[in-house]
Protein backbone atom coordinates (compact mmCIF):
# COMPACT_ATOMS: atom_id res chain seq x y z
CA UNK A 1 16.68 -1.94 10.18
CA UNK A 2 17.56 -4.98 7.71
CA UNK A 3 16.99 -7.72 10.36
CA UNK A 4 14.67 -6.41 12.25
CA UNK A 5 13.02 -6.10 8.41
CA UNK A 6 13.34 -10.03 8.45
CA UNK A 7 12.49 -11.14 10.89
CA UNK A 8 9.08 -12.60 9.61
CA UNK A 9 10.33 -13.62 6.98
CA UNK A 10 13.10 -15.96 8.48
CA UNK A 11 10.61 -16.97 11.34
CA UNK A 12 8.98 -18.67 8.32
CA UNK A 13 12.19 -20.12 6.62
CA UNK A 14 12.68 -21.79 9.91
CA UNK A 15 9.26 -22.68 10.02
CA UNK A 16 8.84 -24.19 6.80
CA UNK A 17 12.30 -25.73 6.30
CA UNK A 18 12.52 -27.19 2.70
CA UNK A 19 9.24 -27.84 2.78
CA UNK A 20 9.08 -23.99 1.67
CA UNK A 21 7.21 -23.03 -1.90
CA UNK A 22 8.15 -19.42 -2.00
CA UNK A 23 5.93 -17.04 0.03
CA UNK A 24 6.52 -13.78 1.73
CA UNK A 25 5.60 -12.86 5.09
CA UNK A 26 3.04 -10.08 4.02
CA UNK A 27 1.03 -7.99 6.55
CA UNK A 28 -0.79 -5.84 4.28
CA UNK A 29 -3.62 -6.77 2.29
CA UNK A 30 -2.75 -4.36 -0.48
CA UNK A 31 0.56 -6.05 -0.70
CA UNK A 32 -0.93 -9.09 -2.76
CA UNK A 33 -2.65 -7.02 -4.74
CA UNK A 34 0.54 -4.83 -6.31
CA UNK A 35 2.59 -8.31 -5.88
CA UNK A 36 0.19 -9.40 -8.69
CA UNK A 37 0.43 -6.25 -10.58
CA UNK A 38 4.60 -6.71 -10.54
CA UNK A 39 3.69 -10.69 -11.52
CA UNK A 40 2.23 -9.01 -14.75
CA UNK A 41 4.69 -6.81 -15.84
CA UNK A 42 7.06 -9.22 -14.97
CA UNK A 43 5.08 -11.39 -17.67
CA UNK A 44 5.25 -8.81 -19.88
CA UNK A 45 2.13 -7.83 -19.92
CA UNK A 46 1.39 -4.23 -20.76
CA UNK A 47 1.58 -0.96 -18.44
CA UNK A 48 -2.36 -0.88 -18.45
CA UNK A 49 -3.39 -4.19 -17.18
CA UNK A 50 -6.53 -5.74 -14.76
CA UNK A 51 -3.76 -9.20 -13.45
CA UNK A 52 -7.22 -10.56 -11.22
CA UNK A 53 -9.44 -10.05 -14.51
CA UNK A 54 -6.95 -11.51 -17.24
CA UNK A 55 -7.05 -8.31 -18.82
CA UNK A 56 -4.34 -6.84 -21.03
CA UNK A 57 -4.62 -3.17 -22.67
CA UNK A 58 -5.10 -3.40 -26.46
CA UNK A 59 -6.12 -1.11 -29.58
CA UNK A 60 -9.67 -3.45 -29.81
CA UNK A 61 -10.51 -3.18 -25.98
CA UNK A 62 -8.01 0.24 -24.50
CA UNK A 63 -8.11 -0.04 -20.37
CA UNK A 64 -8.72 2.75 -18.69
CA UNK A 65 -5.67 4.27 -16.42
CA UNK A 66 -5.30 2.65 -12.94
CA UNK A 67 -3.67 3.79 -9.48
CA UNK A 68 -1.02 0.75 -10.19
CA UNK A 69 -0.34 2.13 -14.49
CA UNK A 70 -0.35 6.03 -13.07
CA UNK A 71 2.09 4.94 -10.20
CA UNK A 72 4.14 3.01 -12.28
CA UNK A 73 7.77 4.02 -11.51
CA UNK A 74 7.46 1.42 -8.29
CA UNK A 75 6.70 -1.23 -10.08
CA UNK A 76 9.29 -1.38 -13.25
CA UNK A 77 11.61 -1.09 -10.78
CA UNK A 78 10.90 -3.91 -8.74
CA UNK A 79 10.15 -6.16 -12.04
CA UNK A 80 13.14 -5.13 -15.06
CA UNK A 81 15.46 -6.48 -12.56
CA UNK A 82 12.91 -9.86 -11.19
CA UNK A 83 13.25 -10.57 -14.77
CA UNK A 84 16.29 -9.77 -15.72
CA UNK A 85 17.51 -12.18 -12.70
CA UNK A 86 14.26 -14.61 -13.41
CA UNK A 87 13.29 -14.89 -9.73
CA UNK A 88 9.06 -14.71 -9.06
CA UNK A 89 7.38 -11.45 -8.01
CA UNK A 90 7.70 -13.02 -4.83
CA UNK A 91 11.18 -12.94 -4.64
CA UNK A 92 11.46 -9.69 -5.96
CA UNK A 93 8.76 -8.79 -2.44
CA UNK A 94 11.55 -10.57 -0.43
CA UNK A 95 14.17 -8.57 -1.56
CA UNK A 96 12.77 -5.16 -1.16
CA UNK A 97 11.74 -5.03 2.65
CA UNK A 98 15.73 -5.57 3.46
CA UNK A 99 16.86 -3.45 0.36
CA UNK A 100 14.10 -1.16 1.46
CA UNK A 101 14.95 -0.99 5.10
CA UNK A 102 18.57 -0.33 4.05
CA UNK A 103 17.80 2.93 1.99
CA UNK A 104 15.36 4.69 4.65
CA UNK A 105 17.78 3.95 7.31
CA UNK A 106 20.16 5.37 5.71
CA UNK A 107 17.66 8.16 3.95
CA UNK A 108 17.22 9.90 7.43
CA UNK A 109 20.49 8.74 8.99
CA UNK A 110 22.40 11.56 6.41
CA UNK A 111 19.44 13.80 7.15
CA UNK A 112 19.46 13.88 10.85
CA UNK A 113 23.99 14.14 10.29
CA UNK A 114 23.45 16.78 8.05
CA UNK A 115 21.29 19.02 9.72
CA UNK A 116 22.04 18.06 13.80
CA UNK A 117 26.02 17.24 12.72
CA UNK A 118 25.97 14.92 15.14
CA UNK A 119 26.54 11.07 13.40
CA UNK A 120 25.86 9.35 16.71
CA UNK A 121 22.58 11.15 17.20
CA UNK A 122 21.92 10.61 13.92
CA UNK A 123 22.40 6.56 13.89
CA UNK A 124 20.30 6.92 17.40
CA UNK A 125 17.69 9.21 15.89
CA UNK A 126 17.15 5.84 12.77
CA UNK A 127 16.26 4.26 14.82
CA UNK A 128 14.18 5.94 17.08
CA UNK A 129 12.06 7.17 13.75
CA UNK A 130 11.85 4.20 12.07
CA UNK A 131 11.33 2.29 15.53
CA UNK A 132 8.62 4.63 16.86
CA UNK A 133 7.08 6.15 13.82
CA UNK A 134 4.30 2.90 14.36
CA UNK A 135 3.73 4.15 18.26
CA UNK A 136 1.76 7.21 17.63
CA UNK A 137 -1.71 7.37 15.77
CA UNK A 138 -5.09 6.34 15.23
CA UNK A 139 -4.37 2.69 13.82
CA UNK A 140 -3.08 1.35 15.96
CA UNK A 141 -3.76 -1.97 18.59
CA UNK A 142 -5.23 -0.23 20.57
CA UNK A 143 -6.10 3.07 19.09
CA UNK A 144 -5.01 4.87 22.23
CA UNK A 145 -2.82 8.10 22.00
CA UNK A 146 0.96 5.77 22.76
CA UNK A 147 0.36 2.71 21.03
CA UNK A 148 1.46 -0.76 19.58
CA UNK A 149 1.83 -0.22 15.29
CA UNK A 150 -0.05 -2.60 13.22
CA UNK A 151 1.60 -3.85 11.27
CA UNK A 152 5.27 -2.46 13.51
CA UNK A 153 7.06 -1.25 10.61
CA UNK A 154 4.09 0.52 8.39
CA UNK A 155 6.59 2.34 6.08
CA UNK A 156 8.13 -1.18 4.75
CA UNK A 157 4.83 -2.13 3.18
CA UNK A 158 5.78 -3.20 -0.20
CA UNK A 159 5.61 -1.70 -2.89
CA UNK A 160 3.86 1.30 -1.44
CA UNK A 161 4.86 3.05 0.14
CA UNK A 162 8.47 1.20 0.51
CA UNK A 163 9.92 1.74 -2.63
CA UNK A 164 9.92 5.02 -2.74
CA UNK A 165 9.41 5.96 1.16
CA UNK A 166 13.65 6.90 0.92
CA UNK A 167 13.12 9.61 -1.72
CA UNK A 168 10.73 11.65 0.89
CA UNK A 169 13.83 11.59 3.13
CA UNK A 170 16.74 12.53 0.46
CA UNK A 171 14.13 15.11 -1.00
CA UNK A 172 14.16 17.01 2.41
CA UNK A 173 18.25 16.35 2.60
CA UNK A 174 18.25 17.78 -1.07
CA UNK A 175 16.26 21.02 -0.29
CA UNK A 176 18.20 20.96 2.67
CA UNK A 177 21.88 21.83 1.58
CA UNK A 178 20.47 24.07 -1.32
CA UNK A 179 18.91 26.28 1.24
CA UNK A 180 22.11 26.21 3.37
CA UNK A 181 24.41 26.18 0.86
CA UNK A 182 27.44 28.98 0.50
CA UNK A 183 28.18 27.59 -3.02
CA UNK A 184 26.16 28.76 -5.87
CA UNK A 185 26.61 25.54 -7.72
CA UNK A 186 25.99 23.21 -4.81
CA UNK A 187 22.62 25.33 -4.24
CA UNK A 188 21.24 24.49 -7.83
CA UNK A 189 22.95 21.48 -8.32
CA UNK A 190 21.03 20.51 -5.09
CA UNK A 191 18.07 22.48 -5.93
CA UNK A 192 17.70 20.19 -9.15
CA UNK A 193 18.09 16.94 -7.60
CA UNK A 194 15.16 17.80 -5.25
CA UNK A 195 12.94 18.72 -8.67
CA UNK A 196 14.33 15.56 -10.25
CA UNK A 197 13.33 13.87 -6.63
CA UNK A 198 10.27 15.47 -6.14
CA UNK A 199 9.39 14.24 -10.03
CA UNK A 200 10.27 10.61 -9.45
CA UNK A 201 8.15 11.16 -6.35
CA UNK A 202 4.88 12.15 -8.31
CA UNK A 203 4.86 8.22 -10.67
CA UNK A 204 5.66 6.84 -7.37
CA UNK A 205 3.05 7.35 -4.82
CA UNK A 206 0.64 9.86 -4.29
CA UNK A 207 0.61 10.28 -0.71
CA UNK A 208 4.58 10.75 -0.38
CA UNK A 209 4.71 13.70 -3.25
CA UNK A 210 2.21 14.92 -1.63
CA UNK A 211 3.72 15.24 1.62
CA UNK A 212 6.55 16.28 -0.18
CA UNK A 213 5.03 19.22 -2.08
CA UNK A 214 3.48 20.38 0.76
CA UNK A 215 6.15 20.44 2.59
CA UNK A 216 8.41 22.46 0.48
CA UNK A 217 5.63 25.08 0.74
CA UNK A 218 6.23 24.79 4.75
CA UNK A 219 9.69 25.52 4.46
CA UNK A 220 9.41 27.75 1.45
CA UNK A 221 7.15 30.41 3.44
CA UNK A 222 9.42 29.56 7.31
CA UNK A 223 12.76 30.42 4.99
CA UNK A 224 11.03 33.42 3.27
CA UNK A 225 9.49 34.91 6.36
CA UNK A 226 12.73 34.52 8.63
CA UNK A 227 15.73 34.32 6.43
CA UNK A 228 17.81 37.48 4.90
CA UNK A 229 18.01 35.40 1.32
CA UNK A 230 14.87 35.91 -0.06
CA UNK A 231 16.04 36.08 -3.79
CA UNK A 232 17.42 32.82 -3.38
CA UNK A 233 15.09 30.93 -1.81
CA UNK A 234 12.68 31.91 -4.44
CA UNK A 235 15.25 30.59 -6.84
CA UNK A 236 15.38 27.25 -5.65
CA UNK A 237 11.36 27.23 -5.07
CA UNK A 238 11.05 28.49 -8.82
CA UNK A 239 13.42 25.40 -9.47
CA UNK A 240 11.95 22.47 -7.81
CA UNK A 241 8.79 23.25 -8.76
CA UNK A 242 9.41 24.25 -12.31
CA UNK A 243 11.23 21.14 -12.44
CA UNK A 244 7.85 18.85 -11.28
CA UNK A 245 5.57 21.21 -13.10
CA UNK A 246 6.81 18.90 -16.11
CA UNK A 247 6.29 16.11 -13.87
CA UNK A 248 2.76 17.15 -13.63
CA UNK A 249 1.34 17.28 -16.77
CA UNK A 250 1.69 13.75 -18.01
CA UNK A 251 0.51 12.95 -14.77
CA UNK A 252 -2.55 15.24 -15.11
CA UNK A 253 -3.33 13.59 -18.41
CA UNK A 254 -3.46 9.99 -17.09
CA UNK A 255 -5.35 10.94 -14.27
CA UNK A 256 -7.79 12.68 -16.14
CA UNK A 257 -8.19 8.75 -17.80
CA UNK A 258 -8.95 6.41 -15.11
CA UNK A 259 -12.28 4.67 -15.04
CA UNK A 260 -15.42 5.81 -14.61
CA UNK A 261 -16.44 5.89 -10.73
CA UNK A 262 -12.49 6.11 -9.16
CA UNK A 263 -13.44 8.71 -6.72
CA UNK A 264 -16.03 6.45 -5.81
CA UNK A 265 -13.28 3.28 -5.40
CA UNK A 266 -10.66 5.38 -4.01
CA UNK A 267 -13.23 6.87 -1.23
CA UNK A 268 -12.37 10.49 -2.65
CA UNK A 269 -14.29 12.59 0.13
CA UNK A 270 -16.28 16.08 -0.27
CA UNK A 271 -15.57 18.05 3.37
CA UNK A 272 -14.55 21.21 4.58
CA UNK A 273 -14.28 20.23 8.16
CA UNK A 274 -11.31 20.83 9.76
CA UNK A 275 -9.13 17.96 11.42
CA UNK A 276 -6.85 19.06 14.30
CA UNK A 277 -7.30 16.75 16.96
CA UNK A 278 -4.77 14.16 15.29
CA UNK A 279 -1.70 12.99 17.58
CA UNK A 280 0.81 13.98 14.81
CA UNK A 281 -0.81 17.34 14.98
CA UNK A 282 -0.54 17.64 18.97
CA UNK A 283 2.36 16.67 18.49
CA UNK A 284 3.66 19.32 16.06
CA UNK A 285 1.48 22.06 18.72
CA UNK A 286 4.55 20.97 20.88
CA UNK A 287 7.20 21.42 18.53
CA UNK A 288 5.59 25.10 18.29
CA UNK A 289 5.16 25.98 21.31
CA UNK A 290 8.15 24.58 21.90
CA UNK A 291 10.55 26.60 19.74
CA UNK A 292 8.40 29.69 20.34
CA UNK A 293 9.10 29.74 24.00
CA UNK A 294 12.80 29.45 23.29
CA UNK A 295 12.64 31.91 20.75
CA UNK A 296 11.13 34.54 23.15
CA UNK A 297 13.72 33.17 25.89
CA UNK A 298 16.64 33.59 23.18
CA UNK A 299 17.55 30.13 24.21
CA UNK A 300 17.05 29.64 20.00
CA UNK A 301 17.31 31.67 17.01
CA UNK A 302 14.21 32.45 14.69
CA UNK A 303 16.08 32.57 11.61
CA UNK A 304 18.46 29.89 12.84
CA UNK A 305 18.21 27.36 10.04
CA UNK A 306 16.97 24.09 12.26
CA UNK A 307 14.69 26.21 14.18
CA UNK A 308 12.69 26.41 10.52
CA UNK A 309 13.03 22.97 9.49
CA UNK A 310 12.09 22.06 12.98
CA UNK A 311 9.29 23.81 12.38
CA UNK A 312 8.14 22.64 8.50
CA UNK A 313 7.97 19.84 10.23
CA UNK A 314 5.83 21.03 13.35
CA UNK A 315 3.03 22.66 10.61
CA UNK A 316 3.16 19.65 8.01
CA UNK A 317 0.85 17.44 10.09
CA UNK A 318 -2.20 20.79 10.06
CA UNK A 319 -1.59 20.90 6.48
CA UNK A 320 -1.56 17.57 4.99
CA UNK A 321 -4.71 16.69 7.56
CA UNK A 322 -6.13 20.06 7.18
CA UNK A 323 -6.09 21.13 3.14
CA UNK A 324 -9.65 19.99 2.43
CA UNK A 325 -10.72 22.80 4.29
CA UNK A 326 -10.19 25.03 0.95
CA UNK A 327 -9.86 21.90 -1.50
CA UNK A 328 -13.55 20.64 -0.29
CA UNK A 329 -11.18 17.03 -1.28
CA UNK A 330 -10.14 14.22 1.46
CA UNK A 331 -8.97 11.21 0.33
CA UNK A 332 -7.78 7.91 2.39
CA UNK A 333 -5.72 11.17 4.79
CA UNK A 334 -4.93 7.89 6.87
CA UNK A 335 -1.99 7.38 4.23
CA UNK A 336 0.00 10.52 5.59
CA UNK A 337 -0.69 8.96 9.39
CA UNK A 338 0.58 6.15 9.38
CA UNK A 339 3.13 6.50 6.33
CA UNK A 340 4.74 9.26 5.94
CA UNK A 341 3.49 12.46 8.83
CA UNK A 342 4.18 9.83 11.70
CA UNK A 343 7.80 9.49 10.50
CA UNK A 344 8.84 13.45 10.26
CA UNK A 345 7.15 14.40 12.89
CA UNK A 346 9.76 12.75 14.89
CA UNK A 347 12.03 13.58 12.76
CA UNK A 348 11.22 17.13 13.90
CA UNK A 349 10.89 16.58 17.64
CA UNK A 350 14.41 15.00 17.41
CA UNK A 351 15.65 18.36 15.86
CA UNK A 352 13.86 20.26 18.78
CA UNK A 353 15.86 18.46 20.86
CA UNK A 354 19.08 19.27 19.63
CA UNK A 355 18.48 22.86 20.05
CA UNK A 356 17.55 22.44 23.51
CA UNK A 357 19.89 20.00 24.94
CA UNK A 358 23.84 20.13 23.28
CA UNK A 359 25.29 17.86 22.96
CA UNK A 360 22.69 15.08 23.73
CA UNK A 361 24.28 13.24 26.16
CA UNK A 362 26.19 9.98 24.85
CA UNK A 363 24.01 7.86 27.41
CA UNK A 364 20.82 9.58 26.56
CA UNK A 365 21.44 8.13 22.30
CA UNK A 366 22.42 4.62 24.05
CA UNK A 367 19.54 4.66 25.68
CA UNK A 368 17.34 5.69 22.79
CA UNK A 369 18.77 3.44 20.71
CA UNK A 370 18.54 0.35 22.52
CA UNK A 371 14.83 0.73 23.35
CA UNK A 372 13.64 1.83 20.36
CA UNK A 373 15.30 -1.85 19.07
CA UNK A 374 14.12 -3.30 22.03
CA UNK A 375 10.81 -1.84 20.94
CA UNK A 376 10.96 -3.10 17.21
CA UNK A 377 11.98 -6.47 17.93
CA UNK A 378 8.70 -6.89 20.17
CA UNK A 379 6.57 -5.46 17.84
CA UNK A 380 7.22 -7.34 15.02
CA UNK A 381 8.03 -10.50 16.76
CA UNK A 382 4.56 -10.92 18.86
CA UNK A 383 2.50 -10.19 15.62
CA UNK A 384 4.47 -12.54 13.05
CA UNK A 385 4.57 -15.08 15.45
CA UNK A 386 0.89 -14.90 16.02
CA UNK A 387 -0.64 -13.92 13.04
CA UNK A 388 1.36 -12.73 9.68
CA UNK A 389 3.62 -15.83 9.63
CA UNK A 390 1.24 -18.13 10.13
CA UNK A 391 -0.93 -15.86 7.47
CA UNK A 392 2.04 -16.80 5.39
CA UNK A 393 2.28 -21.42 5.98
CA UNK A 394 -1.38 -21.18 4.60
CA UNK A 395 0.25 -19.38 1.64
CA UNK A 396 2.65 -21.20 1.20
CA UNK A 397 0.84 -23.88 0.83
CA UNK A 398 -1.20 -22.96 -1.63
CA UNK A 399 1.83 -21.88 -4.32
CA UNK A 400 2.61 -25.33 -5.46
CA UNK A 401 -0.97 -25.25 -7.18
CA UNK A 402 -0.55 -22.47 -8.62
CA UNK A 403 2.77 -22.62 -10.24
CA UNK A 404 1.18 -25.69 -12.15
CA UNK A 405 -1.67 -23.01 -13.02
CA UNK A 406 1.29 -20.80 -14.13
CA UNK A 407 2.60 -23.72 -15.99
CA UNK A 408 -0.28 -24.22 -17.72
CA UNK A 409 -0.85 -21.02 -18.82
CA UNK A 410 2.01 -21.49 -21.49
CA UNK A 411 0.23 -24.37 -22.98
CA UNK A 412 -3.75 -23.04 -22.59
CA UNK A 413 -3.74 -20.04 -24.49
CA UNK A 414 -3.45 -17.66 -21.78
CA UNK A 415 -0.43 -15.83 -22.36
CA UNK A 416 -0.89 -15.93 -26.13
CA UNK A 417 -4.31 -14.38 -25.94
CA UNK A 418 -3.76 -11.45 -23.29
CA UNK A 419 -0.73 -11.09 -26.21
CA UNK A 420 -3.10 -10.91 -29.28
CA UNK A 421 -6.71 -10.12 -27.80
CA UNK A 422 -5.36 -8.37 -24.75
CA UNK A 423 -7.85 -10.47 -22.94
CA UNK A 424 -7.14 -14.40 -21.57
CA UNK A 425 -9.60 -16.93 -22.36
CA UNK A 426 -9.40 -18.74 -18.78
CA UNK A 427 -10.49 -17.82 -16.11
CA UNK A 428 -9.75 -19.75 -12.63
CA UNK A 429 -12.41 -20.52 -9.64
CA UNK A 430 -11.85 -20.98 -5.92
CA UNK A 431 -14.12 -21.35 -3.70
CA UNK A 432 -10.51 -20.25 -1.26
CA UNK A 433 -10.84 -16.55 -1.71
CA UNK A 434 -7.27 -16.32 -0.52
CA UNK A 435 -6.13 -18.50 -2.80
CA UNK A 436 -7.62 -15.80 -5.10
CA UNK A 437 -6.01 -13.45 -3.87
CA UNK A 438 -2.64 -15.16 -3.88
CA UNK A 439 -3.08 -16.54 -7.84
CA UNK A 440 -2.00 -13.57 -10.02
CA UNK A 441 1.50 -12.57 -7.64
CA UNK A 442 2.14 -16.52 -9.37
CA UNK A 443 -0.02 -16.65 -12.55
CA UNK A 444 -1.13 -14.75 -15.14
CA UNK A 445 -5.23 -16.47 -15.26
CA UNK A 446 -8.15 -14.29 -14.67
CA UNK A 447 -10.01 -15.07 -11.56
CA UNK A 448 -13.16 -15.12 -11.81
CA UNK A 449 -13.49 -12.57 -8.29
CA UNK A 450 -11.68 -9.64 -10.17
CA UNK A 451 -10.36 -8.17 -7.32
CA UNK A 452 -8.60 -5.72 -9.03
CA UNK A 453 -11.72 -4.92 -11.72
CA UNK A 454 -12.66 -1.56 -9.95
CA UNK A 455 -9.36 -0.41 -10.39
CA UNK A 456 -7.97 -1.46 -13.45
CA UNK A 457 -10.58 -1.15 -15.89
CA UNK A 458 -14.39 -0.25 -16.43
CA UNK A 459 -16.13 -2.75 -14.10
CA UNK A 460 -19.31 -0.88 -11.97
CA UNK A 461 -19.18 -2.77 -8.45
CA UNK A 462 -22.31 -3.43 -10.11
CA UNK A 463 -20.54 -6.20 -11.91
CA UNK A 464 -18.11 -6.77 -9.27
CA UNK A 465 -21.50 -7.78 -6.96
CA UNK A 466 -22.28 -10.30 -9.92
CA UNK A 467 -19.06 -11.77 -10.03
CA UNK A 468 -19.20 -11.90 -6.21
CA UNK A 469 -22.86 -13.75 -6.35
CA UNK A 470 -21.58 -16.24 -9.23
CA UNK A 471 -18.90 -17.09 -6.87
CA UNK A 472 -21.05 -18.04 -3.78
CA UNK A 473 -23.16 -19.52 -6.02
CA UNK A 474 -20.81 -22.02 -7.88
CA UNK A 475 -19.69 -22.81 -3.99
CA UNK A 476 -23.05 -23.31 -2.96
CA UNK A 477 -22.96 -20.79 -0.16
CA UNK A 478 -26.47 -20.58 1.54
CA UNK A 479 -28.32 -17.32 1.76
CA UNK A 480 -28.20 -17.76 6.35
CA UNK A 481 -24.37 -18.01 5.78
CA UNK A 482 -24.46 -14.92 3.69
CA UNK A 483 -26.08 -13.21 6.19
CA UNK A 484 -23.40 -14.48 8.89
CA UNK A 485 -20.87 -13.00 7.13
CA UNK A 486 -22.28 -9.49 6.22
CA UNK A 487 -23.33 -9.44 9.80
CA UNK A 488 -19.81 -9.39 10.82
CA UNK A 489 -20.98 -13.05 12.51
CA UNK A 490 -17.50 -14.78 11.88
CA UNK A 491 -18.78 -17.90 13.25
CA UNK A 492 -18.63 -20.87 10.61
CA UNK A 493 -17.86 -18.46 7.87
CA UNK A 494 -15.62 -20.05 5.31
CA UNK A 495 -12.37 -18.83 3.08
CA UNK A 496 -15.83 -18.08 0.29
CA UNK A 497 -17.15 -15.72 2.49
CA UNK A 498 -14.05 -13.68 3.55
CA UNK A 499 -14.36 -10.72 0.91
CA UNK A 500 -18.78 -10.35 0.84
CA UNK A 501 -18.91 -7.13 3.80
CA UNK A 502 -16.24 -4.81 1.05
CA UNK A 503 -17.78 -6.02 -2.14
CA UNK A 504 -21.10 -5.60 -1.62
CA UNK A 505 -21.24 -2.26 0.92
CA UNK A 506 -17.60 -1.28 0.12
CA UNK A 507 -14.55 -0.63 1.81
CA UNK A 508 -15.45 2.84 2.95
CA UNK A 509 -17.99 1.07 4.96
CA UNK A 510 -16.59 -2.02 6.28
CA UNK A 511 -13.11 -0.25 7.43
CA UNK A 512 -14.23 3.06 9.62
CA UNK A 513 -10.67 4.15 8.76
CA UNK A 514 -10.92 5.17 5.41
CA UNK A 515 -13.33 7.68 5.53
CA UNK A 516 -14.22 10.07 7.96
CA UNK A 517 -17.92 10.18 6.99
CA UNK A 518 -18.77 6.20 8.34
CA UNK A 519 -22.05 5.13 7.83
CA UNK A 520 -22.51 1.94 10.08
CA UNK A 521 -23.91 -1.42 7.66
CA UNK A 522 -27.64 -1.87 9.31
CA UNK A 523 -29.42 -5.09 9.14
CA UNK A 524 -32.12 -4.08 7.21
CA UNK A 525 -29.40 -3.91 3.96
CA UNK A 526 -27.57 -6.70 4.98
CA UNK A 527 -31.29 -8.37 4.26
CA UNK A 528 -31.78 -6.92 1.09
CA UNK A 529 -27.75 -8.01 0.15
CA UNK A 530 -29.26 -11.70 0.98
CA UNK A 531 -32.63 -11.23 -0.81
CA UNK A 532 -30.92 -10.28 -3.75
CA UNK A 533 -28.15 -13.06 -3.64
CA UNK A 534 -31.80 -15.39 -3.13
CA UNK A 535 -32.78 -14.22 -6.59
CA UNK A 536 -29.57 -14.40 -8.06
CA UNK A 537 -29.36 -18.06 -7.46
CA UNK A 538 -33.10 -18.82 -7.85
CA UNK A 539 -32.42 -17.32 -11.48
CA UNK A 540 -29.03 -18.51 -12.54
CA UNK A 541 -29.30 -19.75 -16.29
CA UNK A 542 -27.25 -20.99 -18.62
CA UNK A 543 -26.68 -17.68 -19.62
CA UNK A 544 -25.45 -16.36 -16.50
CA UNK A 545 -23.01 -18.94 -16.73
CA UNK A 546 -21.99 -17.81 -20.02
CA UNK A 547 -21.48 -13.99 -18.53
CA UNK A 548 -17.89 -15.17 -16.74
CA UNK A 549 -16.67 -18.94 -18.23
CA UNK A 550 -13.96 -20.76 -16.26
CA UNK A 551 -11.70 -23.11 -17.40
CA UNK A 552 -10.64 -24.45 -14.20
CA UNK A 553 -11.68 -24.99 -10.55
CA UNK A 554 -8.95 -25.63 -7.49
CA UNK A 555 -10.90 -26.94 -4.69
CA UNK A 556 -9.51 -27.72 -1.52
CA UNK A 557 -8.23 -31.43 -1.11
CA UNK A 558 -9.24 -32.54 2.32
CA UNK A 559 -12.62 -30.52 2.34
CA UNK A 560 -16.40 -31.55 1.11
CA UNK A 561 -16.42 -28.68 -1.32
CA UNK A 562 -20.12 -29.09 -2.29
CA UNK A 563 -20.11 -29.68 -6.26
CA UNK A 564 -23.54 -29.15 -7.43
CA UNK A 565 -24.23 -25.86 -8.70
CA UNK A 566 -20.45 -26.27 -10.70
CA UNK A 567 -21.87 -29.94 -12.02
CA UNK A 568 -24.91 -28.47 -13.31
CA UNK A 569 -23.31 -26.41 -15.69
CA UNK A 570 -19.78 -28.26 -15.97
CA UNK A 571 -17.76 -30.99 -16.49
CA UNK A 572 -14.94 -31.85 -14.58
CA UNK A 573 -12.02 -33.83 -15.72
CA UNK A 574 -10.93 -36.37 -12.80
CA UNK A 575 -8.66 -33.72 -10.53
CA UNK A 576 -5.17 -33.67 -10.86
CA UNK A 577 -3.55 -33.55 -7.40
CA UNK A 578 -1.71 -30.93 -6.41
CA UNK A 579 -0.01 -29.81 -3.00
CA UNK A 580 -3.69 -29.79 -0.59
CA UNK A 581 -5.48 -28.85 -3.84
CA UNK A 582 -7.27 -30.74 -6.79
CA UNK A 583 -6.99 -28.88 -9.43
CA UNK A 584 -10.20 -29.89 -11.99
CA UNK A 585 -10.11 -28.73 -16.06
CA UNK A 586 -14.06 -27.69 -16.83
CA UNK A 587 -15.93 -27.58 -19.72
CA UNK A 588 -19.49 -25.83 -20.12
CA UNK A 589 -22.54 -28.46 -20.80
CA UNK A 590 -24.70 -28.02 -23.46
């Protein structure tokens, strides 16, 4: 798995050779947000910070909690060693993907070995689970029942869920050992460590700890109903629950101190509608029916721990995808589908095989491992060759100018202002949005486009739209170009417009998989947004420029950038050529 995980990165190294500037291959756009937060921690900034806005928590200007500051354990576990060894956030992410692949493989292997009792089966099963976890689900390349995941190894998205993903299976292993151990001491130790593991997950990734808690409920009910040692089971569940409750007290406190409007930003939907037709629920139903038939025909015993474990994994999809029936709330359930339940359901399928096929033929294991590995090479290598490595090459060519900005951050007061005032006095503008999104991974200046502002501080959507309008204005974007971008017509649309649909309409409307209540963007709405932008352009004044003054402009060196609007309000120096870009220092005109 380590080899498979590093295929895209090795490809990038081969292509770039000595020209490699330190970029990592990141198939997920969210990885840049996580990398920015890690880089802020490496720079010694506060736990509550806005890496894109150049804001830190301070007594004079306190920041609310965010999804980054609440789920802080993975970020600190990555940032502290990176700082100690003097490596960048990008390098830390390269190391992380290999380490995460190794630990995920070990955790799944140990779990399968303990439950099935066959190391050969566990080895082949590990490849099956981790390589084919992307082969089912609705958010794949073609959207069919069996499909190609896109990207192929979703559990390695950095740093969520890659860092904490192995703990999900370690938790299951510890609970299994606690429930099946004949030693009182072994049961007690396993239960305590399981509770500590779940507590760690609480501050790591919400979809992992909630899925782990839901599974604990499933297997607890199965054990209480079908196993004779009810007092022991109750004691184990109580012990794990007590430790987790202690962790949930500060977690709830932090969660209640988030910025206003986070429900909307995180796409929290109010609904009681059941969701029973996901692929994992269908597979779970198949597992449950097979177990029921096996029990009726006396092929398996209903008290067999392996039967109960497989049944608990089969029940898990029904619980996590339908909890809203009781709670009335659901939030981006596709995270369960892509990062958690797809893998646990395959584990349940493998345990089912061991119950009815004793022993599993060695030839079958060889074929299972070989085909899983071959499948992974294809679905990792092909998208990397066509998409992810070219994206990484483009990012790698942007890094020299970002390194230069990082050098300037030690001279222009950026780091000093963050420590003393909690706010950077220097903001960076660039018409190249991909460069702006990459910038906080390498330096601490804020950006005119505050991508994380709505998550990390009290930045409203209206303010975010205003800053987008300002970015478009300085980029000399015309209304017709904005109309094309909002209408999802990419022909002739430049990098400066790459994120306008998500900012102006929200992620939940730009991407249908984020919300079960999709409202397609209508042409009338597009026209309204274009008119609003044109009104902003017509009314732009010095006061508007002072709302968010910028200190640097990073402009592509080989482009034909129109400086008209920027030069109207700012004086530029002669510029400094750094790689593919020209770095200008700006000063507001009097």
